[in-house]
N, C-alpha and C. Protein backbone atom coordinates (compact mmCIF):
# COMPACT_ATOMS: atom_id res chain seq x y z
N MET A 1 -0.95 121.50 -70.24
CA MET A 1 -0.90 120.86 -68.93
C MET A 1 -1.73 119.58 -68.91
N LEU A 2 -2.88 119.62 -69.54
CA LEU A 2 -3.73 118.43 -69.59
C LEU A 2 -3.04 117.30 -70.35
N ARG A 3 -2.32 117.66 -71.40
CA ARG A 3 -1.60 116.66 -72.21
C ARG A 3 -0.53 115.96 -71.37
N VAL A 4 0.16 116.71 -70.55
CA VAL A 4 1.20 116.14 -69.68
C VAL A 4 0.56 115.14 -68.71
N LEU A 5 -0.55 115.52 -68.16
CA LEU A 5 -1.25 114.64 -67.22
C LEU A 5 -1.74 113.36 -67.89
N THR A 6 -2.34 113.48 -69.05
CA THR A 6 -2.84 112.29 -69.74
C THR A 6 -1.69 111.39 -70.20
N ASP A 7 -0.57 111.99 -70.60
CA ASP A 7 0.60 111.19 -70.97
C ASP A 7 1.13 110.42 -69.77
N TRP A 8 1.18 111.08 -68.61
CA TRP A 8 1.65 110.43 -67.39
C TRP A 8 0.72 109.28 -67.00
N ILE A 9 -0.57 109.51 -67.07
CA ILE A 9 -1.55 108.46 -66.74
C ILE A 9 -1.40 107.27 -67.68
N GLU A 10 -1.21 107.53 -68.96
CA GLU A 10 -1.04 106.46 -69.94
C GLU A 10 0.25 105.68 -69.68
N LYS A 11 1.31 106.38 -69.34
CA LYS A 11 2.59 105.71 -69.04
C LYS A 11 2.43 104.80 -67.82
N ARG A 12 1.78 105.28 -66.76
CA ARG A 12 1.55 104.48 -65.56
C ARG A 12 0.68 103.25 -65.89
N ARG A 13 -0.31 103.44 -66.75
CA ARG A 13 -1.17 102.33 -67.15
C ARG A 13 -0.37 101.26 -67.88
N GLU A 14 0.52 101.67 -68.77
CA GLU A 14 1.36 100.71 -69.49
C GLU A 14 2.28 99.95 -68.54
N ILE A 15 2.83 100.64 -67.55
CA ILE A 15 3.70 99.99 -66.57
C ILE A 15 2.91 98.96 -65.77
N ARG A 16 1.71 99.34 -65.33
CA ARG A 16 0.86 98.42 -64.56
C ARG A 16 0.49 97.19 -65.40
N LEU A 17 0.20 97.39 -66.67
CA LEU A 17 -0.11 96.26 -67.56
C LEU A 17 1.10 95.33 -67.72
N ARG A 18 2.29 95.92 -67.74
CA ARG A 18 3.50 95.10 -67.83
C ARG A 18 3.67 94.25 -66.57
N TRP A 19 3.39 94.82 -65.38
CA TRP A 19 3.46 94.04 -64.14
C TRP A 19 2.48 92.88 -64.20
N GLN A 20 1.26 93.18 -64.64
CA GLN A 20 0.23 92.14 -64.70
C GLN A 20 0.59 91.05 -65.70
N ARG A 21 1.11 91.44 -66.84
CA ARG A 21 1.51 90.47 -67.86
C ARG A 21 2.63 89.57 -67.34
N ASP A 22 3.64 90.16 -66.71
CA ASP A 22 4.74 89.37 -66.18
C ASP A 22 4.28 88.47 -65.03
N ALA A 23 3.37 88.96 -64.20
CA ALA A 23 2.84 88.15 -63.10
C ALA A 23 2.09 86.93 -63.65
N ARG A 24 1.28 87.15 -64.65
CA ARG A 24 0.56 86.02 -65.26
C ARG A 24 1.51 85.02 -65.91
N ALA A 25 2.55 85.52 -66.55
CA ALA A 25 3.54 84.63 -67.17
C ALA A 25 4.25 83.79 -66.11
N LEU A 26 4.61 84.42 -64.98
CA LEU A 26 5.26 83.66 -63.90
C LEU A 26 4.31 82.63 -63.31
N LEU A 27 3.05 83.01 -63.13
CA LEU A 27 2.08 82.05 -62.61
C LEU A 27 1.92 80.87 -63.56
N GLN A 28 1.96 81.14 -64.84
CA GLN A 28 1.84 80.09 -65.85
C GLN A 28 3.06 79.16 -65.82
N SER A 29 4.25 79.75 -65.72
CA SER A 29 5.47 78.94 -65.82
C SER A 29 5.94 78.35 -64.49
N HIS A 30 5.64 79.01 -63.37
CA HIS A 30 6.16 78.56 -62.08
C HIS A 30 5.09 78.15 -61.08
N GLY A 31 3.84 78.31 -61.43
CA GLY A 31 2.76 77.86 -60.55
C GLY A 31 2.84 78.44 -59.16
N GLN A 32 2.78 77.58 -58.15
CA GLN A 32 2.79 78.02 -56.75
C GLN A 32 4.07 78.74 -56.35
N HIS A 33 5.13 78.55 -57.11
CA HIS A 33 6.42 79.16 -56.78
C HIS A 33 6.66 80.47 -57.53
N ALA A 34 5.64 81.01 -58.16
CA ALA A 34 5.78 82.24 -58.95
C ALA A 34 6.22 83.42 -58.08
N TYR A 35 5.69 83.50 -56.87
CA TYR A 35 6.06 84.60 -55.98
C TYR A 35 7.56 84.54 -55.68
N TYR A 36 8.07 83.34 -55.39
CA TYR A 36 9.49 83.19 -55.10
C TYR A 36 10.34 83.57 -56.31
N GLU A 37 9.89 83.20 -57.49
CA GLU A 37 10.65 83.55 -58.70
C GLU A 37 10.69 85.06 -58.89
N ALA A 38 9.57 85.73 -58.67
CA ALA A 38 9.55 87.19 -58.79
C ALA A 38 10.48 87.81 -57.74
N GLN A 39 10.48 87.28 -56.53
CA GLN A 39 11.38 87.79 -55.49
C GLN A 39 12.84 87.53 -55.85
N ARG A 40 13.10 86.37 -56.45
CA ARG A 40 14.47 86.04 -56.89
C ARG A 40 14.95 87.06 -57.93
N ARG A 41 14.09 87.37 -58.87
CA ARG A 41 14.45 88.35 -59.91
C ARG A 41 14.63 89.74 -59.32
N ALA A 42 13.81 90.09 -58.35
CA ALA A 42 13.97 91.39 -57.69
C ALA A 42 15.29 91.44 -56.92
N SER A 43 15.61 90.36 -56.23
CA SER A 43 16.87 90.32 -55.47
C SER A 43 18.08 90.38 -56.40
N ARG A 44 17.99 89.69 -57.52
CA ARG A 44 19.09 89.72 -58.49
C ARG A 44 19.29 91.13 -59.02
N ALA A 45 18.20 91.82 -59.33
CA ALA A 45 18.30 93.20 -59.83
C ALA A 45 18.89 94.11 -58.75
N ARG A 46 18.50 93.87 -57.51
CA ARG A 46 19.04 94.67 -56.40
C ARG A 46 20.54 94.44 -56.27
N ALA A 47 20.97 93.19 -56.40
CA ALA A 47 22.40 92.88 -56.30
C ALA A 47 23.19 93.55 -57.42
N LEU A 48 22.54 93.73 -58.57
CA LEU A 48 23.19 94.38 -59.71
C LEU A 48 23.01 95.89 -59.71
N HIS A 49 22.39 96.42 -58.65
CA HIS A 49 22.12 97.85 -58.50
C HIS A 49 21.27 98.41 -59.63
N ASP A 50 20.35 97.59 -60.11
CA ASP A 50 19.42 98.00 -61.17
C ASP A 50 18.09 98.37 -60.51
N ARG A 51 17.96 99.63 -60.13
CA ARG A 51 16.81 100.09 -59.36
C ARG A 51 15.50 99.90 -60.10
N ALA A 52 15.46 100.24 -61.37
CA ALA A 52 14.21 100.12 -62.14
C ALA A 52 13.74 98.67 -62.23
N ARG A 53 14.67 97.78 -62.51
CA ARG A 53 14.30 96.37 -62.62
C ARG A 53 13.91 95.79 -61.25
N PHE A 54 14.59 96.24 -60.18
CA PHE A 54 14.22 95.80 -58.84
C PHE A 54 12.77 96.17 -58.54
N TRP A 55 12.41 97.42 -58.77
CA TRP A 55 11.04 97.86 -58.50
C TRP A 55 10.04 97.12 -59.36
N HIS A 56 10.40 96.86 -60.60
CA HIS A 56 9.50 96.13 -61.50
C HIS A 56 9.20 94.75 -60.92
N TRP A 57 10.23 94.00 -60.55
CA TRP A 57 10.01 92.63 -60.08
C TRP A 57 9.38 92.60 -58.69
N ALA A 58 9.64 93.60 -57.86
CA ALA A 58 8.95 93.69 -56.57
C ALA A 58 7.45 93.90 -56.79
N LYS A 59 7.11 94.74 -57.75
CA LYS A 59 5.69 94.97 -58.07
C LYS A 59 5.07 93.73 -58.70
N VAL A 60 5.84 93.01 -59.51
CA VAL A 60 5.33 91.76 -60.09
C VAL A 60 5.04 90.75 -58.98
N ALA A 61 5.92 90.68 -57.98
CA ALA A 61 5.69 89.77 -56.86
C ALA A 61 4.38 90.12 -56.14
N ALA A 62 4.17 91.41 -55.94
CA ALA A 62 2.92 91.84 -55.30
C ALA A 62 1.72 91.49 -56.17
N GLU A 63 1.87 91.62 -57.46
CA GLU A 63 0.78 91.29 -58.38
C GLU A 63 0.51 89.79 -58.40
N VAL A 64 1.56 88.98 -58.32
CA VAL A 64 1.39 87.53 -58.23
C VAL A 64 0.58 87.19 -56.99
N ALA A 65 0.94 87.80 -55.87
CA ALA A 65 0.20 87.55 -54.62
C ALA A 65 -1.25 87.98 -54.74
N ARG A 66 -1.50 89.08 -55.44
CA ARG A 66 -2.86 89.57 -55.60
C ARG A 66 -3.68 88.65 -56.50
N LEU A 67 -3.06 88.16 -57.57
CA LEU A 67 -3.79 87.37 -58.56
C LEU A 67 -4.09 85.94 -58.10
N SER A 68 -3.22 85.36 -57.29
CA SER A 68 -3.39 83.96 -56.94
C SER A 68 -3.27 83.73 -55.43
N PRO A 69 -4.35 83.31 -54.81
CA PRO A 69 -4.29 83.03 -53.37
C PRO A 69 -3.56 81.72 -53.06
N ASP A 70 -3.21 80.96 -54.09
CA ASP A 70 -2.59 79.65 -53.90
C ASP A 70 -1.07 79.68 -53.87
N VAL A 71 -0.45 80.81 -54.20
CA VAL A 71 1.02 80.85 -54.25
C VAL A 71 1.60 80.79 -52.84
N GLU A 72 2.78 80.20 -52.76
CA GLU A 72 3.48 80.10 -51.48
C GLU A 72 4.21 81.42 -51.24
N MET A 73 4.14 81.90 -49.99
CA MET A 73 4.80 83.16 -49.64
C MET A 73 5.36 83.06 -48.23
N ASP A 74 6.37 82.25 -48.05
CA ASP A 74 7.01 82.09 -46.76
C ASP A 74 8.17 83.10 -46.67
N MET A 75 8.15 83.95 -45.65
CA MET A 75 9.15 85.01 -45.54
C MET A 75 10.56 84.46 -45.31
N LYS A 76 10.69 83.32 -44.65
CA LYS A 76 12.03 82.74 -44.47
C LYS A 76 12.60 82.30 -45.82
N THR A 77 11.74 81.78 -46.67
CA THR A 77 12.18 81.39 -48.01
C THR A 77 12.58 82.62 -48.82
N VAL A 78 11.78 83.67 -48.72
CA VAL A 78 12.10 84.92 -49.43
C VAL A 78 13.44 85.47 -48.94
N GLN A 79 13.68 85.44 -47.63
CA GLN A 79 14.95 85.92 -47.09
C GLN A 79 16.12 85.06 -47.58
N ALA A 80 15.92 83.75 -47.65
CA ALA A 80 16.97 82.86 -48.16
C ALA A 80 17.27 83.16 -49.62
N ILE A 81 16.24 83.44 -50.40
CA ILE A 81 16.43 83.81 -51.80
C ILE A 81 17.23 85.10 -51.90
N ALA A 82 16.86 86.08 -51.11
CA ALA A 82 17.58 87.37 -51.13
C ALA A 82 19.03 87.18 -50.73
N ASP A 83 19.28 86.40 -49.68
CA ASP A 83 20.65 86.15 -49.25
C ASP A 83 21.45 85.47 -50.35
N GLU A 84 20.84 84.51 -51.00
CA GLU A 84 21.52 83.79 -52.09
C GLU A 84 21.88 84.74 -53.24
N GLU A 85 20.93 85.55 -53.65
CA GLU A 85 21.17 86.46 -54.78
C GLU A 85 22.14 87.58 -54.43
N LEU A 86 22.13 88.02 -53.18
CA LEU A 86 23.03 89.09 -52.76
C LEU A 86 24.39 88.58 -52.31
N GLY A 87 24.52 87.25 -52.28
CA GLY A 87 25.81 86.66 -51.92
C GLY A 87 26.13 86.73 -50.43
N ARG A 88 25.10 86.81 -49.60
CA ARG A 88 25.30 86.87 -48.15
C ARG A 88 25.17 85.46 -47.58
N PRO A 89 25.93 85.18 -46.52
CA PRO A 89 25.76 83.87 -45.86
C PRO A 89 24.41 83.82 -45.16
N ARG A 90 23.81 82.65 -45.16
CA ARG A 90 22.51 82.47 -44.49
C ARG A 90 22.72 82.44 -42.99
N GLN A 91 21.72 82.96 -42.30
CA GLN A 91 21.81 83.00 -40.84
C GLN A 91 21.02 81.87 -40.23
């Protein structure tokens, strides 16, 4: 039982490290727009019905926001990105 628990904790740790690594990479490549890029990737995964990838990029977006207080996070822009990726007309 203890082995199962430690394996689960290690797996969660690896996933969290992957979010952090991807967030840092987006911050490096996209600067202030890293949050929008993470949201774009999450929306694209959602449009493709890829649940695991959607959750990954949503968590990366949250990590980007946590790591950098300088990133832009306008909800209207995020909604426009989601509409674009999901193929919905903008309102």
